[in-house]
Amino acid sequence: MKLLVIGTQGQVGWELERALQPAGEVVGLDRAALDLSDLRAVRESVLAHRPHWVFNAAAYTAVDQAEDDEARARRVNADAVEAIATACAELRATLVHYSTDYVFDGEKDGAYVEGDPTNPLGAYGRTKLQGEDAIRRAKCAHAVIRTSWVFSSRGKNFLKTILRLAGERDELRVVDDQRGAPTSARFIADASVALLWRAAAEPTLAERLTAGETLNVCSAGVTSWFGFAEYIVRRAALARRPRLVPIPASAYPTKARRPRNSTLSLERLRSVWGIEVPSWQTATDLVLRELAG
């Protein structure tokens, strides 16, 4: 089985390339190997590799910058995704694509289920939703995976920022009125591999992918950014521990609005796909151990 991973320079893509090795022949493409703004090259690259599965972990993720550069964000998050999806449809390949909690406006009180109405607040969420819609129009076999608050031992993310700032400042002011589930890139990758194996073993699950599946994949449990930061500072081996101060989002204005509630329901992931879900605390401890060496 041939597996194509697009976006191996990112947190999820790097973990996918590692996790998929036992499943078949893995081909990884980073930004240098595939320019997602060149839509013809994107399509031709997928067709040339002739994969059985494509995992698209590439994205324009600069949330605030996207407000001023929505056309570029759309090119990567929607137009390139459409090119990948149409190529998958032609090859009869299965596409696994990674989306975001930002397709929702965060106004729901409880956890979002996969079928809830979408209403993105900003350019990043809009372009990611356009990518989802493009996949559905292409009618290729697929899973659109929505996740939240991704972190890992690689790249730029909230966990690594908190660790850096903890060594530089005596006080950290962190937003406490936005909630969600911090999710490790490793768990997203491992859940994706489990998806592949379960679809191969269970015809009814394979049929779900053929028809098109949308699936929430994130850690178990809910916290705020302040709660996440507090846990990081408490569990990490730090030479100094700054004082943490909870603040409302209104006290930390950003160009793009963030959903106040990014909680995603895991019922389908657990009951239909049978995938075990670690708590966000367990996932955080694992990454902290990796960083500690």
C-alpha atoms as a PDB file:
ATOM      1  CA  MET A   1       0.000   0.000   0.000  1.00  0.00           C
ATOM      2  CA  LYS A   2       1.342   3.426  -0.961  1.00  0.00           C
ATOM      3  CA  LEU A   3       0.745   6.316   1.432  1.00  0.00           C
ATOM      4  CA  LEU A   4       1.351   9.953   0.517  1.00  0.00           C
ATOM      5  CA  VAL A   5       1.805  12.527   3.293  1.00  0.00           C
ATOM      6  CA  ILE A   6       1.592  16.191   2.304  1.00  0.00           C
ATOM      7  CA  GLY A   7       2.976  18.762   4.729  1.00  0.00           C
ATOM      8  CA  THR A   8       5.680  16.785   6.520  1.00  0.00           C
ATOM      9  CA  GLN A   9       7.346  19.956   7.806  1.00  0.00           C
ATOM     10  CA  GLY A  10       4.393  20.639  10.121  1.00  0.00           C
ATOM     11  CA  GLN A  11       3.616  19.158  13.510  1.00  0.00           C
ATOM     12  CA  VAL A  12       0.968  16.665  12.354  1.00  0.00           C
ATOM     13  CA  GLY A  13       2.694  15.846   9.067  1.00  0.00           C
ATOM     14  CA  TRP A  14       5.977  14.996  10.780  1.00  0.00           C
ATOM     15  CA  GLU A  15       4.214  12.661  13.214  1.00  0.00           C
ATOM     16  CA  LEU A  16       2.211  11.079  10.399  1.00  0.00           C
ATOM     17  CA  GLU A  17       5.310  10.229   8.402  1.00  0.00           C
ATOM     18  CA  ARG A  18       6.648   8.407  11.469  1.00  0.00           C
ATOM     19  CA  ALA A  19       3.424   6.687  12.512  1.00  0.00           C
ATOM     20  CA  LEU A  20       2.492   5.398   9.052  1.00  0.00           C
ATOM     21  CA  GLN A  21       5.752   3.498   8.432  1.00  0.00           C
ATOM     22  CA  PRO A  22       4.348   0.076   9.442  1.00  0.00           C
ATOM     23  CA  ALA A  23       1.337   0.510   7.154  1.00  0.00           C
ATOM     24  CA  GLY A  24       3.092   0.600   3.796  1.00  0.00           C
ATOM     25  CA  GLU A  25       5.364   2.604   1.518  1.00  0.00           C
ATOM     26  CA  VAL A  26       5.329   6.175   2.816  1.00  0.00           C
ATOM     27  CA  VAL A  27       6.169   9.150   0.591  1.00  0.00           C
ATOM     28  CA  GLY A  28       6.458  12.484   2.371  1.00  0.00           C
ATOM     29  CA  LEU A  29       6.279  15.877   0.695  1.00  0.00           C
ATOM     30  CA  ASP A  30       7.323  19.056   2.474  1.00  0.00           C
ATOM     31  CA  ARG A  31       7.003  22.670   1.317  1.00  0.00           C
ATOM     32  CA  ALA A  32      10.221  22.457  -0.687  1.00  0.00           C
ATOM     33  CA  ALA A  33       8.990  19.402  -2.585  1.00  0.00           C
ATOM     34  CA  LEU A  34       5.470  20.668  -3.286  1.00  0.00           C
ATOM     35  CA  ASP A  35       4.366  24.286  -3.632  1.00  0.00           C
ATOM     36  CA  LEU A  36       0.694  24.299  -2.652  1.00  0.00           C
ATOM     37  CA  SER A  37       0.128  27.614  -4.412  1.00  0.00           C
ATOM     38  CA  ASP A  38       0.856  25.859  -7.733  1.00  0.00           C
ATOM     39  CA  LEU A  39      -2.450  24.051  -8.168  1.00  0.00           C
ATOM     40  CA  ARG A  40      -1.445  22.252 -11.354  1.00  0.00           C
ATOM     41  CA  ALA A  41       1.689  20.913  -9.653  1.00  0.00           C
ATOM     42  CA  VAL A  42      -0.375  19.763  -6.660  1.00  0.00           C
ATOM     43  CA  ARG A  43      -2.741  17.758  -8.822  1.00  0.00           C
ATOM     44  CA  GLU A  44       0.024  16.323 -11.009  1.00  0.00           C
ATOM     45  CA  SER A  45       2.107  15.331  -7.990  1.00  0.00           C
ATOM     46  CA  VAL A  46      -0.724  13.318  -6.453  1.00  0.00           C
ATOM     47  CA  LEU A  47      -1.480  11.638  -9.776  1.00  0.00           C
ATOM     48  CA  ALA A  48       2.195  10.862 -10.385  1.00  0.00           C
ATOM     49  CA  HIS A  49       2.673   9.142  -7.025  1.00  0.00           C
ATOM     50  CA  ARG A  50      -0.526   7.088  -7.458  1.00  0.00           C
ATOM     51  CA  PRO A  51      -1.114   6.582  -3.715  1.00  0.00           C
ATOM     52  CA  HIS A  52      -3.822   4.446  -2.166  1.00  0.00           C
ATOM     53  CA  TRP A  53      -4.164   6.930   0.709  1.00  0.00           C
ATOM     54  CA  VAL A  54      -3.327  10.634   0.904  1.00  0.00           C
ATOM     55  CA  PHE A  55      -2.872  12.424   4.237  1.00  0.00           C
ATOM     56  CA  ASN A  56      -3.020  16.184   3.787  1.00  0.00           C
ATOM     57  CA  ALA A  57      -1.533  17.875   6.843  1.00  0.00           C
ATOM     58  CA  ALA A  58      -0.461  21.037   5.018  1.00  0.00           C
ATOM     59  CA  ALA A  59      -2.264  24.271   5.805  1.00  0.00           C
ATOM     60  CA  TYR A  60      -2.019  28.015   6.099  1.00  0.00           C
ATOM     61  CA  THR A  61      -2.301  28.335   9.878  1.00  0.00           C
ATOM     62  CA  ALA A  62      -1.346  31.977  10.592  1.00  0.00           C
ATOM     63  CA  VAL A  63      -4.749  32.842  12.055  1.00  0.00           C
ATOM     64  CA  ASP A  64      -4.247  36.584  12.497  1.00  0.00           C
ATOM     65  CA  GLN A  65      -2.235  37.044   9.315  1.00  0.00           C
ATOM     66  CA  ALA A  66      -5.013  35.388   7.325  1.00  0.00           C
ATOM     67  CA  GLU A  67      -7.260  38.369   8.085  1.00  0.00           C
ATOM     68  CA  ASP A  68      -5.029  40.484   5.820  1.00  0.00           C
ATOM     69  CA  ASP A  69      -4.074  37.701   3.416  1.00  0.00           C
ATOM     70  CA  GLU A  70      -7.255  35.694   2.930  1.00  0.00           C
ATOM     71  CA  ALA A  71      -6.551  35.074  -0.757  1.00  0.00           C
ATOM     72  CA  ARG A  72      -3.302  33.281   0.057  1.00  0.00           C
ATOM     73  CA  ALA A  73      -4.943  31.356   2.898  1.00  0.00           C
ATOM     74  CA  ARG A  74      -7.717  30.284   0.516  1.00  0.00           C
ATOM     75  CA  ARG A  75      -5.165  29.155  -2.062  1.00  0.00           C
ATOM     76  CA  VAL A  76      -3.590  26.727   0.410  1.00  0.00           C
ATOM     77  CA  ASN A  77      -6.553  25.789   2.604  1.00  0.00           C
ATOM     78  CA  ALA A  78      -9.200  25.467  -0.112  1.00  0.00           C
ATOM     79  CA  ASP A  79      -7.931  25.603  -3.711  1.00  0.00           C
ATOM     80  CA  ALA A  80      -4.995  23.235  -3.154  1.00  0.00           C
ATOM     81  CA  VAL A  81      -7.253  20.916  -1.162  1.00  0.00           C
ATOM     82  CA  GLU A  82      -9.674  20.820  -4.087  1.00  0.00           C
ATOM     83  CA  ALA A  83      -6.795  19.858  -6.397  1.00  0.00           C
ATOM     84  CA  ILE A  84      -5.777  17.051  -4.035  1.00  0.00           C
ATOM     85  CA  ALA A  85      -9.345  15.801  -3.658  1.00  0.00           C
ATOM     86  CA  THR A  86     -10.097  15.711  -7.386  1.00  0.00           C
ATOM     87  CA  ALA A  87      -6.878  13.781  -7.982  1.00  0.00           C
ATOM     88  CA  CYS A  88      -7.870  11.331  -5.237  1.00  0.00           C
ATOM     89  CA  ALA A  89     -11.271  10.888  -6.857  1.00  0.00           C
ATOM     90  CA  GLU A  90      -9.605  10.089 -10.181  1.00  0.00           C
ATOM     91  CA  LEU A  91      -7.261   7.570  -8.552  1.00  0.00           C
ATOM     92  CA  ARG A  92      -9.963   6.179  -6.242  1.00  0.00           C
ATOM     93  CA  ALA A  93      -7.613   6.957  -3.369  1.00  0.00           C
ATOM     94  CA  THR A  94      -8.777   7.755   0.161  1.00  0.00           C
ATOM     95  CA  LEU A  95      -8.038  11.266   1.429  1.00  0.00           C
ATOM     96  CA  VAL A  96      -7.521  12.078   5.105  1.00  0.00           C
ATOM     97  CA  HIS A  97      -7.596  15.832   5.577  1.00  0.00           C
ATOM     98  CA  TYR A  98      -7.035  17.836   8.757  1.00  0.00           C
ATOM     99  CA  SER A  99      -9.380  20.672   9.641  1.00  0.00           C
ATOM    100  CA  THR A 100     -10.100  22.746  12.714  1.00  0.00           C
ATOM    101  CA  ASP A 101     -12.444  23.738  15.507  1.00  0.00           C
ATOM    102  CA  TYR A 102     -12.356  27.233  13.956  1.00  0.00           C
ATOM    103  CA  VAL A 103     -15.092  26.208  11.510  1.00  0.00           C
ATOM    104  CA  PHE A 104     -17.447  26.826  14.464  1.00  0.00           C
ATOM    105  CA  ASP A 105     -18.234  30.169  16.091  1.00  0.00           C
ATOM    106  CA  GLY A 106     -17.879  28.859  19.643  1.00  0.00           C
ATOM    107  CA  GLU A 107     -21.317  30.028  20.766  1.00  0.00           C
ATOM    108  CA  LYS A 108     -22.661  26.560  21.565  1.00  0.00           C
ATOM    109  CA  ASP A 109     -22.735  25.767  25.277  1.00  0.00           C
ATOM    110  CA  GLY A 110     -21.870  22.080  24.930  1.00  0.00           C
ATOM    111  CA  ALA A 111     -19.468  20.058  22.797  1.00  0.00           C
ATOM    112  CA  TYR A 112     -19.750  20.347  19.033  1.00  0.00           C
ATOM    113  CA  VAL A 113     -20.789  17.183  17.182  1.00  0.00           C
ATOM    114  CA  GLU A 114     -19.709  16.621  13.612  1.00  0.00           C
ATOM    115  CA  GLY A 115     -23.071  17.568  12.118  1.00  0.00           C
ATOM    116  CA  ASP A 116     -23.500  20.878  13.929  1.00  0.00           C
ATOM    117  CA  PRO A 117     -23.910  23.998  11.754  1.00  0.00           C
ATOM    118  CA  THR A 118     -20.641  25.732  10.957  1.00  0.00           C
ATOM    119  CA  ASN A 119     -20.096  29.469  11.261  1.00  0.00           C
ATOM    120  CA  PRO A 120     -16.428  30.485  11.210  1.00  0.00           C
ATOM    121  CA  LEU A 121     -15.509  33.810  12.786  1.00  0.00           C
ATOM    122  CA  GLY A 122     -12.533  34.682  10.598  1.00  0.00           C
ATOM    123  CA  ALA A 123     -10.574  34.103   7.415  1.00  0.00           C
ATOM    124  CA  TYR A 124      -8.681  31.073   8.678  1.00  0.00           C
ATOM    125  CA  GLY A 125     -11.859  29.242   9.660  1.00  0.00           C
ATOM    126  CA  ARG A 126     -13.618  30.279   6.449  1.00  0.00           C
ATOM    127  CA  THR A 127     -10.835  28.966   4.225  1.00  0.00           C
ATOM    128  CA  LYS A 128     -10.557  25.705   6.169  1.00  0.00           C
ATOM    129  CA  LEU A 129     -14.313  25.196   5.792  1.00  0.00           C
ATOM    130  CA  GLN A 130     -14.023  25.910   2.068  1.00  0.00           C
ATOM    131  CA  GLY A 131     -11.424  23.142   1.913  1.00  0.00           C
ATOM    132  CA  GLU A 132     -13.799  20.735   3.652  1.00  0.00           C
ATOM    133  CA  ASP A 133     -16.568  21.616   1.214  1.00  0.00           C
ATOM    134  CA  ALA A 134     -14.252  21.118  -1.767  1.00  0.00           C
ATOM    135  CA  ILE A 135     -13.479  17.580  -0.612  1.00  0.00           C
ATOM    136  CA  ARG A 136     -17.159  16.760  -0.296  1.00  0.00           C
ATOM    137  CA  ARG A 137     -17.871  18.114  -3.774  1.00  0.00           C
ATOM    138  CA  ALA A 138     -15.063  16.001  -5.232  1.00  0.00           C
ATOM    139  CA  LYS A 139     -16.801  12.876  -3.885  1.00  0.00           C
ATOM    140  CA  CYS A 140     -13.566  11.032  -3.188  1.00  0.00           C
ATOM    141  CA  ALA A 141     -13.432   8.574  -0.303  1.00  0.00           C
ATOM    142  CA  HIS A 142     -12.370  10.680   2.635  1.00  0.00           C
ATOM    143  CA  ALA A 143     -12.196  11.541   6.301  1.00  0.00           C
ATOM    144  CA  VAL A 144     -12.208  15.199   7.292  1.00  0.00           C
ATOM    145  CA  ILE A 145     -10.616  15.270  10.734  1.00  0.00           C
ATOM    146  CA  ARG A 146     -11.353  18.281  12.929  1.00  0.00           C
ATOM    147  CA  THR A 147      -9.029  18.898  15.820  1.00  0.00           C
ATOM    148  CA  SER A 148      -8.118  21.649  18.276  1.00  0.00           C
ATOM    149  CA  TRP A 149      -5.224  23.377  20.033  1.00  0.00           C
ATOM    150  CA  VAL A 150      -2.461  21.275  18.440  1.00  0.00           C
ATOM    151  CA  PHE A 151       0.917  21.029  20.140  1.00  0.00           C
ATOM    152  CA  SER A 152       4.027  18.862  19.940  1.00  0.00           C
ATOM    153  CA  SER A 153       7.735  18.874  20.723  1.00  0.00           C
ATOM    154  CA  ARG A 154       8.393  20.345  17.269  1.00  0.00           C
ATOM    155  CA  GLY A 155       7.572  23.636  15.596  1.00  0.00           C
ATOM    156  CA  LYS A 156       5.755  26.627  17.060  1.00  0.00           C
ATOM    157  CA  ASN A 157       2.895  26.028  19.461  1.00  0.00           C
ATOM    158  CA  PHE A 158       1.383  27.248  22.726  1.00  0.00           C
ATOM    159  CA  LEU A 159       3.178  24.727  24.948  1.00  0.00           C
ATOM    160  CA  LYS A 160       6.620  25.654  23.650  1.00  0.00           C
ATOM    161  CA  THR A 161       5.786  29.358  23.847  1.00  0.00           C
ATOM    162  CA  ILE A 162       4.809  29.026  27.518  1.00  0.00           C
ATOM    163  CA  LEU A 163       8.042  27.167  28.279  1.00  0.00           C
ATOM    164  CA  ARG A 164      10.084  29.888  26.577  1.00  0.00           C
ATOM    165  CA  LEU A 165       8.259  32.748  28.278  1.00  0.00           C
ATOM    166  CA  ALA A 166       8.518  31.022  31.647  1.00  0.00           C
ATOM    167  CA  GLY A 167      12.278  31.396  31.389  1.00  0.00           C
ATOM    168  CA  GLU A 168      12.055  35.065  30.442  1.00  0.00           C
ATOM    169  CA  ARG A 169       9.296  36.620  32.564  1.00  0.00           C
ATOM    170  CA  ASP A 170       8.173  36.775  36.158  1.00  0.00           C
ATOM    171  CA  GLU A 171       4.495  36.992  35.213  1.00  0.00           C
ATOM    172  CA  LEU A 172       2.420  35.511  32.401  1.00  0.00           C
ATOM    173  CA  ARG A 173      -1.078  36.792  31.590  1.00  0.00           C
ATOM    174  CA  VAL A 174      -3.105  34.068  29.880  1.00  0.00           C
ATOM    175  CA  VAL A 175      -6.656  34.027  28.482  1.00  0.00           C
ATOM    176  CA  ASP A 176      -9.046  32.118  30.725  1.00  0.00           C
ATOM    177  CA  ASP A 177     -12.443  32.453  28.967  1.00  0.00           C
ATOM    178  CA  GLN A 178     -11.790  30.329  25.878  1.00  0.00           C
ATOM    179  CA  ARG A 179     -12.038  26.573  26.378  1.00  0.00           C
ATOM    180  CA  GLY A 180     -11.071  23.506  24.408  1.00  0.00           C
ATOM    181  CA  ALA A 181      -8.889  20.391  24.399  1.00  0.00           C
ATOM    182  CA  PRO A 182      -5.128  20.714  23.874  1.00  0.00           C
ATOM    183  CA  THR A 183      -4.277  17.914  21.446  1.00  0.00           C
ATOM    184  CA  SER A 184      -0.901  16.410  20.665  1.00  0.00           C
ATOM    185  CA  ALA A 185       0.124  15.958  17.054  1.00  0.00           C
ATOM    186  CA  ARG A 186       1.249  12.440  17.954  1.00  0.00           C
ATOM    187  CA  PHE A 187      -2.259  11.432  19.017  1.00  0.00           C
ATOM    188  CA  ILE A 188      -3.730  12.889  15.808  1.00  0.00           C
ATOM    189  CA  ALA A 189      -1.247  10.827  13.790  1.00  0.00           C
ATOM    190  CA  ASP A 190      -1.833   7.658  15.802  1.00  0.00           C
ATOM    191  CA  ALA A 191      -5.616   8.058  15.496  1.00  0.00           C
ATOM    192  CA  SER A 192      -5.197   8.478  11.725  1.00  0.00           C
ATOM    193  CA  VAL A 193      -3.274   5.218  11.500  1.00  0.00           C
ATOM    194  CA  ALA A 194      -5.952   3.499  13.595  1.00  0.00           C
ATOM    195  CA  LEU A 195      -8.530   4.850  11.152  1.00  0.00           C
ATOM    196  CA  LEU A 196      -6.670   3.215   8.264  1.00  0.00           C
ATOM    197  CA  TRP A 197      -6.372  -0.163   9.994  1.00  0.00           C
ATOM    198  CA  ARG A 198      -9.989  -0.210  11.159  1.00  0.00           C
ATOM    199  CA  ALA A 199     -11.273   0.671   7.700  1.00  0.00           C
ATOM    200  CA  ALA A 200      -9.184  -2.161   6.255  1.00  0.00           C
ATOM    201  CA  ALA A 201     -10.624  -4.639   8.767  1.00  0.00           C
ATOM    202  CA  GLU A 202     -14.265  -3.532   8.906  1.00  0.00           C
ATOM    203  CA  PRO A 203     -16.260  -3.166   5.651  1.00  0.00           C
ATOM    204  CA  THR A 204     -18.858  -0.968   7.360  1.00  0.00           C
ATOM    205  CA  LEU A 205     -16.144   1.496   8.388  1.00  0.00           C
ATOM    206  CA  ALA A 206     -14.642   1.436   4.901  1.00  0.00           C
ATOM    207  CA  GLU A 207     -18.100   2.293   3.589  1.00  0.00           C
ATOM    208  CA  ARG A 208     -18.200   5.336   5.863  1.00  0.00           C
ATOM    209  CA  LEU A 209     -15.034   6.621   4.206  1.00  0.00           C
ATOM    210  CA  THR A 210     -16.381   5.879   0.743  1.00  0.00           C
ATOM    211  CA  ALA A 211     -19.452   7.946   1.536  1.00  0.00           C
ATOM    212  CA  GLY A 212     -17.343  10.625   3.245  1.00  0.00           C
ATOM    213  CA  GLU A 213     -16.704  10.884   6.969  1.00  0.00           C
ATOM    214  CA  THR A 214     -16.255  13.909   9.224  1.00  0.00           C
ATOM    215  CA  LEU A 215     -14.632  13.077  12.541  1.00  0.00           C
ATOM    216  CA  ASN A 216     -13.588  15.003  15.639  1.00  0.00           C
ATOM    217  CA  VAL A 217     -10.139  13.939  16.861  1.00  0.00           C
ATOM    218  CA  CYS A 218      -8.809  15.654  19.958  1.00  0.00           C
ATOM    219  CA  SER A 219      -7.788  14.910  23.513  1.00  0.00           C
ATOM    220  CA  ALA A 220     -10.303  14.071  26.213  1.00  0.00           C
ATOM    221  CA  GLY A 221     -11.195  16.732  28.729  1.00  0.00           C
ATOM    222  CA  VAL A 222     -11.612  20.482  28.556  1.00  0.00           C
ATOM    223  CA  THR A 223      -9.566  23.373  29.868  1.00  0.00           C
ATOM    224  CA  SER A 224      -8.822  27.019  29.134  1.00  0.00           C
ATOM    225  CA  TRP A 225      -5.608  28.481  27.775  1.00  0.00           C
ATOM    226  CA  PHE A 226      -4.864  29.585  31.341  1.00  0.00           C
ATOM    227  CA  GLY A 227      -5.543  26.079  32.642  1.00  0.00           C
ATOM    228  CA  PHE A 228      -3.257  24.624  29.980  1.00  0.00           C
ATOM    229  CA  ALA A 229      -0.489  27.094  30.822  1.00  0.00           C
ATOM    230  CA  GLU A 230      -0.875  26.411  34.538  1.00  0.00           C
ATOM    231  CA  TYR A 231      -0.512  22.669  33.957  1.00  0.00           C
ATOM    232  CA  ILE A 232       2.552  23.158  31.728  1.00  0.00           C
ATOM    233  CA  VAL A 233       4.307  25.336  34.302  1.00  0.00           C
ATOM    234  CA  ARG A 234       3.455  22.943  37.123  1.00  0.00           C
ATOM    235  CA  ARG A 235       4.602  19.777  35.324  1.00  0.00           C
ATOM    236  CA  ALA A 236       7.656  21.026  33.431  1.00  0.00           C
ATOM    237  CA  ALA A 237      11.161  20.958  34.878  1.00  0.00           C
ATOM    238  CA  LEU A 238      11.640  24.721  35.050  1.00  0.00           C
ATOM    239  CA  ALA A 239      14.489  26.672  36.609  1.00  0.00           C
ATOM    240  CA  ARG A 240      11.971  29.392  37.456  1.00  0.00           C
ATOM    241  CA  ARG A 241       8.195  29.435  37.721  1.00  0.00           C
ATOM    242  CA  PRO A 242       6.435  32.650  36.750  1.00  0.00           C
ATOM    243  CA  ARG A 243       3.231  33.874  38.338  1.00  0.00           C
ATOM    244  CA  LEU A 244       0.238  33.136  36.105  1.00  0.00           C
ATOM    245  CA  VAL A 245      -2.578  35.654  35.866  1.00  0.00           C
ATOM    246  CA  PRO A 246      -5.938  34.716  34.248  1.00  0.00           C
ATOM    247  CA  ILE A 247      -7.351  37.377  31.928  1.00  0.00           C
ATOM    248  CA  PRO A 248     -10.397  37.637  29.625  1.00  0.00           C
ATOM    249  CA  ALA A 249      -9.897  37.465  25.865  1.00  0.00           C
ATOM    250  CA  SER A 250     -10.988  41.112  25.697  1.00  0.00           C
ATOM    251  CA  ALA A 251      -7.786  42.028  27.553  1.00  0.00           C
ATOM    252  CA  TYR A 252      -5.664  40.341  24.864  1.00  0.00           C
ATOM    253  CA  PRO A 253      -7.051  41.671  21.571  1.00  0.00           C
ATOM    254  CA  THR A 254      -6.086  39.893  18.353  1.00  0.00           C
ATOM    255  CA  LYS A 255      -6.858  40.672  14.729  1.00  0.00           C
ATOM    256  CA  ALA A 256      -8.858  37.450  14.319  1.00  0.00           C
ATOM    257  CA  ARG A 257     -11.669  36.463  16.662  1.00  0.00           C
ATOM    258  CA  ARG A 258     -11.307  33.081  18.353  1.00  0.00           C
ATOM    259  CA  PRO A 259     -14.225  30.806  19.337  1.00  0.00           C
ATOM    260  CA  ARG A 260     -14.897  30.930  23.069  1.00  0.00           C
ATOM    261  CA  ASN A 261     -15.865  27.244  23.005  1.00  0.00           C
ATOM    262  CA  SER A 262     -13.726  24.836  20.975  1.00  0.00           C
ATOM    263  CA  THR A 263     -14.975  21.691  22.702  1.00  0.00           C
ATOM    264  CA  LEU A 264     -15.468  18.829  20.229  1.00  0.00           C
ATOM    265  CA  SER A 265     -17.567  15.736  20.974  1.00  0.00           C
ATOM    266  CA  LEU A 266     -15.612  12.472  20.863  1.00  0.00           C
ATOM    267  CA  GLU A 267     -18.630  10.162  20.802  1.00  0.00           C
ATOM    268  CA  ARG A 268     -18.232   9.173  17.135  1.00  0.00           C
ATOM    269  CA  LEU A 269     -14.481   8.624  17.489  1.00  0.00           C
ATOM    270  CA  ARG A 270     -15.013   6.322  20.442  1.00  0.00           C
ATOM    271  CA  SER A 271     -18.258   4.500  19.707  1.00  0.00           C
ATOM    272  CA  VAL A 272     -18.059   4.132  15.917  1.00  0.00           C
ATOM    273  CA  TRP A 273     -14.308   3.930  15.333  1.00  0.00           C
ATOM    274  CA  GLY A 274     -13.328   2.392  18.677  1.00  0.00           C
ATOM    275  CA  ILE A 275     -10.347   4.684  19.183  1.00  0.00           C
ATOM    276  CA  GLU A 276      -9.092   5.229  22.723  1.00  0.00           C
ATOM    277  CA  VAL A 277      -8.560   8.872  23.611  1.00  0.00           C
ATOM    278  CA  PRO A 278      -5.927  10.121  26.073  1.00  0.00           C
ATOM    279  CA  SER A 279      -6.602  13.067  28.348  1.00  0.00           C
ATOM    280  CA  TRP A 280      -5.002  16.360  27.419  1.00  0.00           C
ATOM    281  CA  GLN A 281      -2.959  16.088  30.620  1.00  0.00           C
ATOM    282  CA  THR A 282      -1.522  12.709  29.574  1.00  0.00           C
ATOM    283  CA  ALA A 283      -0.699  14.058  26.113  1.00  0.00           C
ATOM    284  CA  THR A 284       0.976  17.099  27.659  1.00  0.00           C
ATOM    285  CA  ASP A 285       3.102  14.990  29.995  1.00  0.00           C
ATOM    286  CA  LEU A 286       4.326  12.920  27.057  1.00  0.00           C
ATOM    287  CA  VAL A 287       5.473  15.975  25.100  1.00  0.00           C
ATOM    288  CA  LEU A 288       7.105  17.508  28.173  1.00  0.00           C
ATOM    289  CA  ARG A 289       9.086  14.277  28.616  1.00  0.00           C
ATOM    290  CA  GLU A 290      10.157  14.413  24.973  1.00  0.00           C
ATOM    291  CA  LEU A 291      11.366  17.977  25.375  1.00  0.00           C
ATOM    292  CA  ALA A 292      13.198  17.123  28.580  1.00  0.00           C
ATOM    293  CA  GLY A 293      15.125  14.464  26.687  1.00  0.00           C
END
